[in-house]
């Protein structure tokens, strides 16, 4: 089993089968795994104000309710996911 020590060592996969075959022969280094865990700290949190169209906010809240989530938490999750996507594109 080969150990992946850097994120850059993971190739872009054409499909899920190629990815599955890669992970059959590779594993993530424990330090890499530990370093990727983000534990939020309430001291890191900053309050901001956003203005939304009332209909948009209503739709967001409705989606959150169907997922049994707080709408603000769901929005933070969406933003975090999008931020990761943008960073990967760079």
Protein backbone atom coordinates (compact mmCIF):
# COMPACT_ATOMS: atom_id res chain seq x y z
CA UNK A 1 0.00 0.00 0.00
CA UNK A 2 1.42 3.37 -1.03
CA UNK A 3 0.97 6.35 1.28
CA UNK A 4 -0.15 9.72 -0.07
CA UNK A 5 1.71 12.40 1.89
CA UNK A 6 0.62 15.46 -0.13
CA UNK A 7 -2.74 16.42 -1.62
CA UNK A 8 -0.97 17.09 -4.93
CA UNK A 9 -0.17 13.38 -5.22
CA UNK A 10 -3.87 12.60 -5.77
CA UNK A 11 -4.60 12.73 -9.50
CA UNK A 12 -7.75 13.99 -11.18
CA UNK A 13 -9.88 10.95 -11.95
CA UNK A 14 -11.80 10.37 -15.16
CA UNK A 15 -14.51 8.37 -13.37
CA UNK A 16 -15.39 6.61 -10.13
CA UNK A 17 -13.87 3.31 -11.25
CA UNK A 18 -10.47 4.93 -11.79
CA UNK A 19 -10.73 6.59 -8.37
CA UNK A 20 -11.71 3.30 -6.69
CA UNK A 21 -8.75 1.52 -8.29
CA UNK A 22 -6.40 4.26 -7.08
CA UNK A 23 -7.61 3.95 -3.48
CA UNK A 24 -7.24 0.16 -3.57
CA UNK A 25 -3.48 0.75 -3.76
CA UNK A 26 -3.13 4.02 -1.83
CA UNK A 27 -3.95 5.43 1.59
CA UNK A 28 -3.74 8.90 3.10
CA UNK A 29 -0.92 9.67 5.51
CA UNK A 30 -2.22 10.14 9.08
CA UNK A 31 -0.64 13.61 9.30
CA UNK A 32 -2.42 14.65 6.12
CA UNK A 33 -5.72 13.41 7.50
CA UNK A 34 -5.21 15.17 10.84
CA UNK A 35 -4.24 18.41 9.15
CA UNK A 36 -7.40 18.45 7.04
CA UNK A 37 -9.79 18.44 10.00
CA UNK A 38 -11.09 21.89 10.79
CA UNK A 39 -12.52 22.29 14.23
CA UNK A 40 -14.48 25.52 14.34
CA UNK A 41 -13.83 27.82 17.24
CA UNK A 42 -16.55 30.24 18.23
CA UNK A 43 -13.86 32.89 18.75
CA UNK A 44 -13.14 32.67 15.02
CA UNK A 45 -16.70 33.60 14.12
CA UNK A 46 -17.56 37.05 12.78
CA UNK A 47 -21.07 38.40 12.46
CA UNK A 48 -22.03 39.92 9.11
CA UNK A 49 -25.23 41.29 7.63
CA UNK A 50 -26.59 40.20 4.26
CA UNK A 51 -29.69 41.54 2.57
CA UNK A 52 -31.83 39.00 0.72
CA UNK A 53 -34.90 39.20 -1.40
CA UNK A 54 -37.66 37.94 0.95
CA UNK A 55 -38.73 35.27 -1.53
CA UNK A 56 -35.18 33.94 -1.81
CA UNK A 57 -34.80 33.80 1.97
CA UNK A 58 -38.14 32.03 2.25
CA UNK A 59 -36.99 29.40 -0.27
CA UNK A 60 -33.70 28.93 1.61
CA UNK A 61 -35.55 28.45 4.90
CA UNK A 62 -37.93 25.96 3.27
CA UNK A 63 -35.01 23.89 1.94
CA UNK A 64 -33.35 23.98 5.36
CA UNK A 65 -36.53 22.77 7.07
CA UNK A 66 -36.80 19.80 4.71
CA UNK A 67 -33.24 18.85 5.69
CA UNK A 68 -33.87 19.46 9.41
CA UNK A 69 -31.17 22.13 9.46
CA UNK A 70 -30.91 25.66 10.74
CA UNK A 71 -31.01 27.83 7.61
CA UNK A 72 -27.97 29.86 8.68
CA UNK A 73 -25.92 26.71 9.24
CA UNK A 74 -27.00 25.37 5.87
CA UNK A 75 -25.96 28.62 4.17
CA UNK A 76 -22.54 28.49 5.87
CA UNK A 77 -22.16 24.91 4.65
CA UNK A 78 -23.06 25.97 1.10
CA UNK A 79 -20.56 28.81 1.21
CA UNK A 80 -17.82 26.55 2.59
CA UNK A 81 -18.45 24.00 -0.19
CA UNK A 82 -18.38 26.68 -2.87
CA UNK A 83 -15.21 28.18 -1.42
CA UNK A 84 -13.50 24.78 -1.61
CA UNK A 85 -14.62 24.42 -5.25
CA UNK A 86 -13.21 27.84 -6.11
CA UNK A 87 -9.90 27.09 -4.39
CA UNK A 88 -9.58 23.78 -6.30
CA UNK A 89 -10.08 25.63 -9.62
CA UNK A 90 -7.06 27.90 -8.99
